[in-house]
Amino acid sequence: MKTISSSIIMLLIVMLISCKPSLDNENAVAIPQAITSFQQNMLDEINLARTNPAGYAELRLKSVNDESADNGSYLYMRNLAPSSALSFNQTLNLSASNYALFLAEKNLMGHDLNGTPLKRAITLGFQGCSIGENIAASTGDSYDPTLDSKTAAIHFVLIMIIDNGVADLGHRLTMLNPTYSTIGIGYSKNPASTFVNYNVQDYGGL
């Protein structure tokens, strides 16, 4: 797929589980933030894939499958049972946004560079039982929500579902995991960095 192959892309995944987050920080409360158009567009795109995987396959993956560049995602989505839609979690939104900014400013890629995903969320008051984190970054303009937030959301979700080069398909599995009920979405841009556009997705089970 031309849009994917013409830009530098980095993907990272991690899953951490704990059922005692309140023992670490009982009183922390996330500061409410307005939902950006990119966050809303990405939530809509992820929920389309979760609640109507066959429809998502036809809409987003058929043309990629026709080019034999879908990494098996077209048939996978065609045969996947629907799962429930995610809702925003304010704490995870803030945690993901903070971490995307950290990665972009420091020109880094990794999950544990400023605390683990779970620890970062707990520090802000997350009370859930599990966190799965996807990170993607790309130099491509189609991944830049300051140019077009909907197009960027579509492309970030698409590369994670296709998950080329990831043997365990971890990004796809995390995004579509039916045990998750909430999500936080972060984005930051640094034109002076290696990957320019940084997206962090933190999935929570409550």
N, C-alpha and C. Protein backbone atom coordinates (compact mmCIF):
# COMPACT_ATOMS: atom_id res chain seq x y z
N MET A 1 0.86 -1.20 0.00
CA MET A 1 0.00 0.00 0.00
C MET A 1 0.88 1.24 0.00
N LYS A 2 0.72 2.13 -0.96
CA LYS A 2 1.63 3.25 -1.15
C LYS A 2 1.71 4.15 0.07
N THR A 3 0.60 4.42 0.69
CA THR A 3 0.58 5.33 1.84
C THR A 3 1.44 4.79 2.97
N ILE A 4 1.46 3.50 3.14
CA ILE A 4 2.21 2.89 4.22
C ILE A 4 3.68 2.78 3.86
N SER A 5 3.99 2.35 2.65
CA SER A 5 5.37 2.06 2.30
C SER A 5 6.20 3.32 2.06
N SER A 6 5.57 4.45 1.81
CA SER A 6 6.31 5.65 1.46
C SER A 6 6.77 6.47 2.66
N SER A 7 6.44 6.05 3.86
CA SER A 7 6.84 6.80 5.04
C SER A 7 7.46 5.87 6.07
N ILE A 8 8.28 6.47 6.93
CA ILE A 8 8.91 5.70 8.00
C ILE A 8 7.89 5.47 9.11
N ILE A 9 7.73 4.21 9.52
CA ILE A 9 6.73 3.87 10.53
C ILE A 9 7.38 3.01 11.61
N MET A 10 7.02 3.29 12.85
CA MET A 10 7.48 2.49 13.98
C MET A 10 6.27 2.07 14.80
N LEU A 11 6.21 0.80 15.19
CA LEU A 11 5.11 0.27 15.99
C LEU A 11 5.65 -0.40 17.24
N LEU A 12 4.99 -0.15 18.37
CA LEU A 12 5.36 -0.80 19.63
C LEU A 12 4.12 -1.21 20.37
N ILE A 13 4.20 -2.34 21.10
CA ILE A 13 3.07 -2.83 21.88
C ILE A 13 3.54 -3.33 23.23
N VAL A 14 2.70 -3.13 24.24
CA VAL A 14 2.97 -3.72 25.55
C VAL A 14 1.64 -3.97 26.24
N MET A 15 1.58 -4.97 27.10
CA MET A 15 0.41 -5.21 27.92
C MET A 15 0.85 -5.44 29.37
N LEU A 16 0.29 -4.66 30.27
CA LEU A 16 0.60 -4.80 31.69
C LEU A 16 -0.69 -5.04 32.45
N ILE A 17 -0.64 -5.88 33.47
CA ILE A 17 -1.84 -6.21 34.23
C ILE A 17 -1.59 -6.05 35.71
N SER A 18 -2.54 -5.42 36.39
CA SER A 18 -2.51 -5.31 37.85
C SER A 18 -3.92 -5.08 38.33
N CYS A 19 -4.27 -5.71 39.42
CA CYS A 19 -5.61 -5.52 39.97
C CYS A 19 -5.59 -4.79 41.29
N LYS A 20 -4.48 -4.10 41.58
CA LYS A 20 -4.41 -3.33 42.81
C LYS A 20 -3.85 -1.92 42.57
N PRO A 21 -4.38 -1.21 41.53
CA PRO A 21 -3.83 0.10 41.23
C PRO A 21 -4.06 1.11 42.33
N SER A 22 -5.14 1.00 43.08
CA SER A 22 -5.46 2.00 44.08
C SER A 22 -4.47 2.01 45.24
N LEU A 23 -3.69 0.94 45.39
CA LEU A 23 -2.71 0.90 46.47
C LEU A 23 -1.55 1.84 46.19
N ASP A 24 -1.35 2.18 44.92
CA ASP A 24 -0.22 3.02 44.57
C ASP A 24 -0.53 4.51 44.66
N ASN A 25 -1.73 4.89 44.32
CA ASN A 25 -2.07 6.31 44.33
C ASN A 25 -3.58 6.44 44.47
N GLU A 26 -4.06 6.59 45.66
CA GLU A 26 -5.50 6.57 45.91
C GLU A 26 -6.18 7.91 45.62
N ASN A 27 -5.42 9.00 45.70
CA ASN A 27 -6.06 10.32 45.67
C ASN A 27 -5.84 11.08 44.37
N ALA A 28 -5.04 10.57 43.46
CA ALA A 28 -4.78 11.28 42.22
C ALA A 28 -6.04 11.35 41.36
N VAL A 29 -6.23 12.49 40.72
CA VAL A 29 -7.39 12.70 39.86
C VAL A 29 -6.91 13.38 38.58
N ALA A 30 -7.30 12.84 37.43
CA ALA A 30 -6.91 13.45 36.17
C ALA A 30 -7.65 14.76 35.95
N ILE A 31 -6.95 15.73 35.40
CA ILE A 31 -7.56 17.02 35.09
C ILE A 31 -8.36 16.88 33.80
N PRO A 32 -9.66 17.23 33.80
CA PRO A 32 -10.47 17.08 32.59
C PRO A 32 -9.89 17.84 31.40
N GLN A 33 -9.91 17.23 30.24
CA GLN A 33 -9.44 17.85 29.02
C GLN A 33 -10.51 17.74 27.95
N ALA A 34 -10.56 18.72 27.06
CA ALA A 34 -11.49 18.64 25.94
C ALA A 34 -11.02 17.56 24.97
N ILE A 35 -11.95 16.79 24.44
CA ILE A 35 -11.63 15.77 23.46
C ILE A 35 -11.33 16.43 22.12
N THR A 36 -10.17 16.13 21.53
CA THR A 36 -9.81 16.72 20.25
C THR A 36 -10.52 15.99 19.12
N SER A 37 -10.55 16.61 17.95
CA SER A 37 -11.18 15.96 16.79
C SER A 37 -10.42 14.69 16.41
N PHE A 38 -9.11 14.70 16.56
CA PHE A 38 -8.32 13.50 16.27
C PHE A 38 -8.67 12.37 17.22
N GLN A 39 -8.76 12.67 18.50
CA GLN A 39 -9.13 11.64 19.46
C GLN A 39 -10.50 11.06 19.15
N GLN A 40 -11.46 11.92 18.84
CA GLN A 40 -12.81 11.44 18.54
C GLN A 40 -12.82 10.62 17.25
N ASN A 41 -12.11 11.09 16.23
CA ASN A 41 -12.06 10.34 14.97
C ASN A 41 -11.40 8.98 15.16
N MET A 42 -10.36 8.94 15.98
CA MET A 42 -9.70 7.66 16.22
C MET A 42 -10.58 6.72 17.02
N LEU A 43 -11.26 7.23 18.02
CA LEU A 43 -12.19 6.39 18.77
C LEU A 43 -13.26 5.83 17.84
N ASP A 44 -13.81 6.67 16.97
CA ASP A 44 -14.83 6.21 16.03
C ASP A 44 -14.29 5.11 15.11
N GLU A 45 -13.05 5.27 14.66
CA GLU A 45 -12.44 4.30 13.75
C GLU A 45 -12.17 2.97 14.46
N ILE A 46 -11.67 3.05 15.68
CA ILE A 46 -11.42 1.84 16.45
C ILE A 46 -12.73 1.12 16.75
N ASN A 47 -13.75 1.89 17.11
CA ASN A 47 -15.04 1.27 17.42
C ASN A 47 -15.71 0.68 16.18
N LEU A 48 -15.47 1.26 15.03
CA LEU A 48 -15.95 0.66 13.79
C LEU A 48 -15.33 -0.72 13.61
N ALA A 49 -14.03 -0.81 13.84
CA ALA A 49 -13.33 -2.09 13.69
C ALA A 49 -13.80 -3.11 14.72
N ARG A 50 -14.10 -2.64 15.93
CA ARG A 50 -14.50 -3.55 17.01
C ARG A 50 -15.96 -4.02 16.84
N THR A 51 -16.85 -3.10 16.55
CA THR A 51 -18.28 -3.44 16.54
C THR A 51 -18.76 -3.99 15.20
N ASN A 52 -18.01 -3.70 14.13
CA ASN A 52 -18.40 -4.18 12.80
C ASN A 52 -17.14 -4.57 12.03
N PRO A 53 -16.43 -5.60 12.49
CA PRO A 53 -15.16 -5.97 11.85
C PRO A 53 -15.30 -6.34 10.38
N ALA A 54 -16.40 -7.01 10.02
CA ALA A 54 -16.59 -7.37 8.62
C ALA A 54 -16.79 -6.13 7.76
N GLY A 55 -17.55 -5.18 8.28
CA GLY A 55 -17.75 -3.92 7.57
C GLY A 55 -16.46 -3.14 7.44
N TYR A 56 -15.66 -3.14 8.50
CA TYR A 56 -14.36 -2.47 8.46
C TYR A 56 -13.47 -3.11 7.40
N ALA A 57 -13.50 -4.42 7.32
CA ALA A 57 -12.69 -5.13 6.32
C ALA A 57 -13.03 -4.69 4.91
N GLU A 58 -14.30 -4.58 4.62
CA GLU A 58 -14.72 -4.17 3.28
C GLU A 58 -14.37 -2.72 3.01
N LEU A 59 -14.51 -1.87 4.01
CA LEU A 59 -14.29 -0.44 3.83
C LEU A 59 -12.82 -0.06 3.76
N ARG A 60 -12.00 -0.67 4.63
CA ARG A 60 -10.61 -0.23 4.78
C ARG A 60 -9.57 -1.22 4.24
N LEU A 61 -9.91 -2.51 4.22
CA LEU A 61 -8.88 -3.50 3.95
C LEU A 61 -8.99 -4.20 2.60
N LYS A 62 -10.11 -4.11 1.95
CA LYS A 62 -10.29 -4.87 0.70
C LYS A 62 -9.27 -4.46 -0.35
N SER A 63 -9.07 -3.15 -0.52
CA SER A 63 -8.12 -2.69 -1.54
C SER A 63 -6.70 -3.09 -1.19
N VAL A 64 -6.39 -3.10 0.10
CA VAL A 64 -5.05 -3.52 0.54
C VAL A 64 -4.88 -5.02 0.31
N ASN A 65 -5.95 -5.78 0.55
CA ASN A 65 -5.93 -7.22 0.31
C ASN A 65 -5.73 -7.51 -1.17
N ASP A 66 -6.36 -6.71 -2.02
CA ASP A 66 -6.23 -6.90 -3.47
C ASP A 66 -4.79 -6.71 -3.92
N GLU A 67 -4.02 -5.91 -3.15
CA GLU A 67 -2.61 -5.69 -3.46
C GLU A 67 -1.71 -6.67 -2.70
N SER A 68 -2.33 -7.63 -1.99
CA SER A 68 -1.61 -8.62 -1.19
C SER A 68 -0.70 -7.95 -0.15
N ALA A 69 -1.19 -6.87 0.44
CA ALA A 69 -0.39 -6.13 1.42
C ALA A 69 -1.10 -6.00 2.76
N ASP A 70 -2.09 -6.85 3.00
CA ASP A 70 -2.92 -6.70 4.19
C ASP A 70 -2.47 -7.57 5.36
N ASN A 71 -1.45 -8.42 5.16
CA ASN A 71 -0.92 -9.27 6.23
C ASN A 71 -2.00 -10.17 6.84
N GLY A 72 -2.93 -10.59 6.03
CA GLY A 72 -4.00 -11.47 6.50
C GLY A 72 -5.12 -10.78 7.24
N SER A 73 -5.06 -9.45 7.32
CA SER A 73 -6.04 -8.74 8.15
C SER A 73 -7.45 -8.72 7.54
N TYR A 74 -7.53 -8.76 6.22
CA TYR A 74 -8.86 -8.72 5.59
C TYR A 74 -9.69 -9.93 5.99
N LEU A 75 -9.15 -11.12 5.80
CA LEU A 75 -9.89 -12.33 6.17
C LEU A 75 -10.07 -12.44 7.68
N TYR A 76 -9.07 -12.00 8.42
CA TYR A 76 -9.17 -12.02 9.88
C TYR A 76 -10.37 -11.19 10.34
N MET A 77 -10.51 -10.00 9.81
CA MET A 77 -11.61 -9.12 10.21
C MET A 77 -12.94 -9.62 9.68
N ARG A 78 -12.94 -10.20 8.51
CA ARG A 78 -14.18 -10.74 7.94
C ARG A 78 -14.76 -11.83 8.83
N ASN A 79 -13.90 -12.56 9.53
CA ASN A 79 -14.34 -13.70 10.34
C ASN A 79 -14.35 -13.42 11.84
N LEU A 80 -14.03 -12.20 12.22
CA LEU A 80 -13.97 -11.85 13.64
C LEU A 80 -15.36 -11.53 14.20
N ALA A 81 -15.66 -12.04 15.37
CA ALA A 81 -16.92 -11.70 16.04
C ALA A 81 -16.86 -10.26 16.55
N PRO A 82 -17.94 -9.51 16.45
CA PRO A 82 -17.96 -8.13 16.96
C PRO A 82 -17.74 -8.09 18.47
N SER A 83 -17.17 -7.01 18.93
CA SER A 83 -17.02 -6.77 20.37
C SER A 83 -17.58 -5.40 20.70
N SER A 84 -17.68 -5.09 21.96
CA SER A 84 -18.32 -3.85 22.39
C SER A 84 -17.46 -2.64 22.07
N ALA A 85 -18.13 -1.50 21.93
CA ALA A 85 -17.43 -0.24 21.67
C ALA A 85 -16.69 0.23 22.92
N LEU A 86 -15.59 0.93 22.71
CA LEU A 86 -14.84 1.54 23.80
C LEU A 86 -15.38 2.93 24.10
N SER A 87 -15.15 3.39 25.30
CA SER A 87 -15.46 4.77 25.66
C SER A 87 -14.20 5.44 26.17
N PHE A 88 -14.16 6.76 26.11
CA PHE A 88 -13.00 7.48 26.61
C PHE A 88 -12.90 7.38 28.12
N ASN A 89 -11.68 7.22 28.60
CA ASN A 89 -11.37 7.35 30.02
C ASN A 89 -10.48 8.58 30.16
N GLN A 90 -10.92 9.56 30.92
CA GLN A 90 -10.21 10.83 31.01
C GLN A 90 -8.78 10.65 31.52
N THR A 91 -8.59 9.76 32.48
CA THR A 91 -7.26 9.51 33.02
C THR A 91 -6.35 8.91 31.96
N LEU A 92 -6.85 7.94 31.20
CA LEU A 92 -6.04 7.33 30.16
C LEU A 92 -5.78 8.31 29.02
N ASN A 93 -6.72 9.18 28.72
CA ASN A 93 -6.49 10.21 27.71
C ASN A 93 -5.32 11.10 28.11
N LEU A 94 -5.32 11.52 29.36
CA LEU A 94 -4.26 12.39 29.84
C LEU A 94 -2.92 11.65 29.87
N SER A 95 -2.94 10.42 30.33
CA SER A 95 -1.71 9.63 30.39
C SER A 95 -1.13 9.40 29.00
N ALA A 96 -1.98 9.03 28.04
CA ALA A 96 -1.52 8.79 26.67
C ALA A 96 -1.01 10.08 26.03
N SER A 97 -1.70 11.19 26.29
CA SER A 97 -1.29 12.47 25.72
C SER A 97 0.05 12.92 26.28
N ASN A 98 0.21 12.77 27.58
CA ASN A 98 1.48 13.14 28.21
C ASN A 98 2.64 12.32 27.65
N TYR A 99 2.38 11.04 27.44
CA TYR A 99 3.47 10.17 26.98
C TYR A 99 3.81 10.41 25.51
N ALA A 100 2.80 10.69 24.70
CA ALA A 100 3.06 11.04 23.30
C ALA A 100 3.93 12.29 23.21
N LEU A 101 3.62 13.27 24.05
CA LEU A 101 4.41 14.50 24.10
C LEU A 101 5.84 14.20 24.53
N PHE A 102 6.00 13.36 25.54
CA PHE A 102 7.32 12.99 26.04
C PHE A 102 8.15 12.34 24.93
N LEU A 103 7.56 11.38 24.20
CA LEU A 103 8.28 10.69 23.14
C LEU A 103 8.69 11.64 22.03
N ALA A 104 7.77 12.53 21.63
CA ALA A 104 8.06 13.46 20.55
C ALA A 104 9.14 14.46 20.95
N GLU A 105 9.04 14.99 22.15
CA GLU A 105 10.01 15.99 22.60
C GLU A 105 11.40 15.39 22.79
N LYS A 106 11.46 14.15 23.27
CA LYS A 106 12.74 13.50 23.55
C LYS A 106 13.27 12.71 22.36
N ASN A 107 12.47 12.63 21.29
CA ASN A 107 12.85 11.86 20.10
C ASN A 107 13.16 10.41 20.47
N LEU A 108 12.19 9.78 21.15
CA LEU A 108 12.36 8.42 21.65
C LEU A 108 11.19 7.55 21.20
N MET A 109 11.39 6.24 21.26
CA MET A 109 10.31 5.28 21.07
C MET A 109 10.49 4.15 22.07
N GLY A 110 9.46 3.87 22.86
CA GLY A 110 9.52 2.81 23.85
C GLY A 110 8.38 2.97 24.84
N HIS A 111 8.10 1.93 25.59
CA HIS A 111 6.97 1.96 26.51
C HIS A 111 7.34 2.35 27.94
N ASP A 112 8.55 2.09 28.34
CA ASP A 112 8.91 2.25 29.75
C ASP A 112 9.94 3.35 29.97
N LEU A 113 9.94 4.35 29.11
CA LEU A 113 10.97 5.38 29.16
C LEU A 113 10.66 6.49 30.15
N ASN A 114 9.43 6.54 30.62
CA ASN A 114 9.03 7.55 31.61
C ASN A 114 8.06 6.89 32.60
N GLY A 115 8.40 5.67 33.03
CA GLY A 115 7.50 4.87 33.85
C GLY A 115 6.73 3.91 32.96
N THR A 116 6.31 2.79 33.51
CA THR A 116 5.53 1.83 32.73
C THR A 116 4.15 2.43 32.41
N PRO A 117 3.48 1.92 31.38
CA PRO A 117 2.14 2.43 31.06
C PRO A 117 1.19 2.37 32.25
N LEU A 118 1.25 1.27 33.00
CA LEU A 118 0.36 1.12 34.15
C LEU A 118 0.70 2.12 35.24
N LYS A 119 1.98 2.29 35.50
CA LYS A 119 2.40 3.23 36.54
C LYS A 119 2.04 4.66 36.17
N ARG A 120 2.22 5.01 34.90
CA ARG A 120 1.86 6.36 34.46
C ARG A 120 0.37 6.63 34.67
N ALA A 121 -0.44 5.63 34.34
CA ALA A 121 -1.89 5.79 34.49
C ALA A 121 -2.30 5.83 35.96
N ILE A 122 -1.71 4.96 36.76
CA ILE A 122 -2.03 4.94 38.20
C ILE A 122 -1.69 6.27 38.85
N THR A 123 -0.56 6.86 38.46
CA THR A 123 -0.14 8.14 39.02
C THR A 123 -1.19 9.22 38.81
N LEU A 124 -1.93 9.11 37.72
CA LEU A 124 -2.96 10.09 37.41
C LEU A 124 -4.33 9.71 37.96
N GLY A 125 -4.42 8.51 38.57
CA GLY A 125 -5.67 8.12 39.22
C GLY A 125 -6.43 6.99 38.57
N PHE A 126 -5.82 6.30 37.62
CA PHE A 126 -6.50 5.18 36.96
C PHE A 126 -6.82 4.08 37.98
N GLN A 127 -8.06 3.61 37.95
CA GLN A 127 -8.52 2.61 38.93
C GLN A 127 -8.85 1.27 38.29
N GLY A 128 -8.46 1.08 37.06
CA GLY A 128 -8.79 -0.15 36.37
C GLY A 128 -7.87 -1.30 36.73
N CYS A 129 -8.11 -2.43 36.07
CA CYS A 129 -7.40 -3.68 36.38
C CYS A 129 -6.31 -4.01 35.37
N SER A 130 -6.35 -3.45 34.19
CA SER A 130 -5.35 -3.80 33.19
C SER A 130 -5.17 -2.67 32.19
N ILE A 131 -3.99 -2.66 31.58
CA ILE A 131 -3.69 -1.69 30.54
C ILE A 131 -2.95 -2.39 29.41
N GLY A 132 -3.36 -2.13 28.19
CA GLY A 132 -2.61 -2.52 27.01
C GLY A 132 -2.25 -1.25 26.26
N GLU A 133 -1.05 -1.16 25.77
CA GLU A 133 -0.61 0.08 25.11
C GLU A 133 -0.07 -0.20 23.72
N ASN A 134 -0.58 0.55 22.76
CA ASN A 134 -0.05 0.57 21.40
C ASN A 134 0.60 1.92 21.15
N ILE A 135 1.74 1.90 20.49
CA ILE A 135 2.41 3.13 20.09
C ILE A 135 2.75 3.03 18.61
N ALA A 136 2.47 4.07 17.87
CA ALA A 136 2.85 4.13 16.46
C ALA A 136 3.36 5.53 16.15
N ALA A 137 4.29 5.61 15.22
CA ALA A 137 4.83 6.90 14.81
C ALA A 137 5.17 6.85 13.34
N SER A 138 5.00 7.96 12.66
CA SER A 138 5.24 7.97 11.21
C SER A 138 5.60 9.37 10.73
N THR A 139 6.45 9.41 9.72
CA THR A 139 6.82 10.68 9.10
C THR A 139 5.80 11.13 8.05
N GLY A 140 4.88 10.25 7.67
CA GLY A 140 3.97 10.56 6.57
C GLY A 140 2.95 11.63 6.89
N ASP A 141 2.66 12.47 5.91
CA ASP A 141 1.66 13.53 6.09
C ASP A 141 0.28 12.96 6.36
N SER A 142 0.01 11.76 5.88
CA SER A 142 -1.31 11.15 6.09
C SER A 142 -1.51 10.74 7.54
N TYR A 143 -0.45 10.80 8.35
CA TYR A 143 -0.53 10.49 9.78
C TYR A 143 -0.50 11.76 10.64
N ASP A 144 -0.65 12.89 10.01
CA ASP A 144 -0.57 14.18 10.71
C ASP A 144 -1.97 14.76 10.90
N PRO A 145 -2.54 14.68 12.09
CA PRO A 145 -3.89 15.20 12.32
C PRO A 145 -3.99 16.71 12.25
N THR A 146 -2.87 17.42 12.28
CA THR A 146 -2.93 18.88 12.10
C THR A 146 -3.26 19.22 10.66
N LEU A 147 -3.06 18.27 9.75
CA LEU A 147 -3.44 18.47 8.35
C LEU A 147 -4.83 17.95 8.09
N ASP A 148 -5.15 16.76 8.61
CA ASP A 148 -6.48 16.15 8.44
C ASP A 148 -6.65 15.11 9.54
N SER A 149 -7.43 15.44 10.55
CA SER A 149 -7.53 14.56 11.73
C SER A 149 -8.19 13.23 11.40
N LYS A 150 -9.16 13.23 10.51
CA LYS A 150 -9.85 11.98 10.17
C LYS A 150 -8.93 11.05 9.39
N THR A 151 -8.23 11.60 8.41
CA THR A 151 -7.30 10.78 7.62
C THR A 151 -6.21 10.19 8.49
N ALA A 152 -5.68 10.99 9.41
CA ALA A 152 -4.64 10.50 10.32
C ALA A 152 -5.16 9.37 11.20
N ALA A 153 -6.37 9.53 11.72
CA ALA A 153 -6.96 8.48 12.56
C ALA A 153 -7.14 7.19 11.76
N ILE A 154 -7.63 7.30 10.56
CA ILE A 154 -7.83 6.13 9.71
C ILE A 154 -6.51 5.41 9.47
N HIS A 155 -5.46 6.16 9.17
CA HIS A 155 -4.18 5.54 8.83
C HIS A 155 -3.49 4.91 10.04
N PHE A 156 -3.55 5.57 11.18
CA PHE A 156 -2.94 4.99 12.37
C PHE A 156 -3.63 3.68 12.76
N VAL A 157 -4.95 3.67 12.71
CA VAL A 157 -5.68 2.45 13.05
C VAL A 157 -5.39 1.36 12.01
N LEU A 158 -5.35 1.74 10.76
CA LEU A 158 -5.12 0.78 9.69
C LEU A 158 -3.77 0.08 9.82
N ILE A 159 -2.70 0.83 10.09
CA ILE A 159 -1.39 0.18 10.16
C ILE A 159 -1.29 -0.75 11.37
N MET A 160 -2.05 -0.42 12.44
CA MET A 160 -2.02 -1.30 13.61
C MET A 160 -2.82 -2.57 13.38
N ILE A 161 -3.88 -2.49 12.61
CA ILE A 161 -4.66 -3.69 12.31
C ILE A 161 -3.92 -4.56 11.30
N ILE A 162 -3.30 -3.97 10.31
CA ILE A 162 -2.49 -4.74 9.36
C ILE A 162 -1.28 -5.35 10.07
N ASP A 163 -0.61 -4.54 10.86
CA ASP A 163 0.47 -5.01 11.76
C ASP A 163 1.60 -5.73 11.03
N ASN A 164 2.03 -5.17 9.92
CA ASN A 164 3.14 -5.75 9.17
C ASN A 164 4.40 -5.78 10.02
N GLY A 165 5.13 -6.88 9.95
CA GLY A 165 6.40 -7.00 10.65
C GLY A 165 6.28 -7.36 12.12
N VAL A 166 5.06 -7.56 12.61
CA VAL A 166 4.85 -7.92 14.01
C VAL A 166 4.36 -9.37 14.06
N ALA A 167 5.22 -10.25 14.50
CA ALA A 167 4.93 -11.68 14.41
C ALA A 167 3.68 -12.09 15.17
N ASP A 168 3.47 -11.51 16.36
CA ASP A 168 2.32 -11.92 17.16
C ASP A 168 1.07 -11.08 16.91
N LEU A 169 1.14 -10.16 15.95
CA LEU A 169 0.00 -9.29 15.62
C LEU A 169 -0.52 -8.57 16.87
N GLY A 170 0.38 -8.17 17.72
CA GLY A 170 0.00 -7.62 19.02
C GLY A 170 -0.81 -6.37 18.99
N HIS A 171 -0.53 -5.46 18.02
CA HIS A 171 -1.30 -4.22 17.95
C HIS A 171 -2.75 -4.51 17.58
N ARG A 172 -2.92 -5.41 16.61
CA ARG A 172 -4.26 -5.79 16.19
C ARG A 172 -5.04 -6.43 17.34
N LEU A 173 -4.37 -7.36 18.03
CA LEU A 173 -5.04 -8.07 19.11
C LEU A 173 -5.38 -7.16 20.28
N THR A 174 -4.50 -6.23 20.59
CA THR A 174 -4.78 -5.29 21.67
C THR A 174 -5.96 -4.40 21.33
N MET A 175 -5.95 -3.85 20.13
CA MET A 175 -7.02 -2.95 19.72
C MET A 175 -8.39 -3.63 19.72
N LEU A 176 -8.41 -4.90 19.37
CA LEU A 176 -9.68 -5.62 19.22
C LEU A 176 -10.01 -6.51 20.43
N ASN A 177 -9.21 -6.42 21.46
CA ASN A 177 -9.40 -7.24 22.66
C ASN A 177 -10.75 -6.93 23.32
N PRO A 178 -11.66 -7.89 23.41
CA PRO A 178 -13.00 -7.63 23.96
C PRO A 178 -13.01 -7.36 25.46
N THR A 179 -11.91 -7.65 26.16
CA THR A 179 -11.88 -7.41 27.61
C THR A 179 -11.65 -5.94 27.94
N TYR A 180 -11.19 -5.15 26.99
CA TYR A 180 -11.00 -3.73 27.24
C TYR A 180 -12.31 -2.98 27.04
N SER A 181 -12.55 -2.00 27.88
CA SER A 181 -13.79 -1.22 27.80
C SER A 181 -13.55 0.27 27.63
N THR A 182 -12.34 0.73 27.93
CA THR A 182 -12.04 2.17 27.84
C THR A 182 -10.73 2.38 27.10
N ILE A 183 -10.51 3.65 26.71
CA ILE A 183 -9.30 3.96 25.96
C ILE A 183 -8.88 5.40 26.24
N GLY A 184 -7.58 5.63 26.15
CA GLY A 184 -7.03 6.97 26.13
C GLY A 184 -6.18 7.11 24.89
N ILE A 185 -6.27 8.25 24.23
CA ILE A 185 -5.57 8.47 22.96
C ILE A 185 -4.72 9.72 23.06
N GLY A 186 -3.45 9.61 22.70
CA GLY A 186 -2.55 10.75 22.72
C GLY A 186 -1.87 10.95 21.38
N TYR A 187 -1.55 12.20 21.08
CA TYR A 187 -0.82 12.53 19.84
C TYR A 187 0.10 13.70 20.11
N SER A 188 1.27 13.65 19.50
CA SER A 188 2.17 14.80 19.53
C SER A 188 3.01 14.82 18.27
N LYS A 189 3.43 16.01 17.88
CA LYS A 189 4.20 16.18 16.65
C LYS A 189 5.48 16.95 16.95
N ASN A 190 6.58 16.45 16.39
CA ASN A 190 7.85 17.14 16.48
C ASN A 190 8.57 16.99 15.15
N PRO A 191 8.52 18.00 14.28
CA PRO A 191 9.15 17.89 12.96
C PRO A 191 10.65 17.65 13.03
N ALA A 192 11.29 17.97 14.16
CA ALA A 192 12.73 17.77 14.30
C ALA A 192 13.09 16.36 14.76
N SER A 193 12.08 15.54 15.07
CA SER A 193 12.32 14.19 15.57
C SER A 193 12.40 13.19 14.43
N THR A 194 12.76 11.97 14.75
CA THR A 194 12.92 10.93 13.74
C THR A 194 11.61 10.56 13.07
N PHE A 195 10.53 10.43 13.86
CA PHE A 195 9.26 9.92 13.34
C PHE A 195 8.16 10.98 13.20
N VAL A 196 8.38 12.16 13.72
CA VAL A 196 7.51 13.34 13.52
C VAL A 196 6.17 13.22 14.23
N ASN A 197 5.33 12.26 13.80
CA ASN A 197 3.97 12.11 14.33
C ASN A 197 3.89 10.90 15.25
N TYR A 198 3.53 11.14 16.52
CA TYR A 198 3.53 10.10 17.55
C TYR A 198 2.11 9.88 18.09
N ASN A 199 1.68 8.64 18.06
CA ASN A 199 0.35 8.27 18.56
C ASN A 199 0.48 7.21 19.65
N VAL A 200 -0.13 7.46 20.81
CA VAL A 200 -0.16 6.51 21.91
C VAL A 200 -1.61 6.14 22.20
N GLN A 201 -1.89 4.85 22.29
CA GLN A 201 -3.22 4.36 22.64
C GLN A 201 -3.09 3.53 23.91
N ASP A 202 -3.80 3.93 24.97
CA ASP A 202 -3.82 3.16 26.20
C ASP A 202 -5.21 2.57 26.42
N TYR A 203 -5.27 1.24 26.44
CA TYR A 203 -6.54 0.52 26.58
C TYR A 203 -6.69 0.05 28.02
N GLY A 204 -7.87 0.26 28.60
CA GLY A 204 -8.08 -0.10 29.98
C GLY A 204 -9.23 -1.06 30.19
N GLY A 205 -9.03 -1.97 31.15
CA GLY A 205 -10.11 -2.83 31.61
C GLY A 205 -10.53 -2.39 32.98
N LEU A 206 -11.81 -2.09 33.15
CA LEU A 206 -12.30 -1.56 34.44
C LEU A 206 -13.09 -2.61 35.19
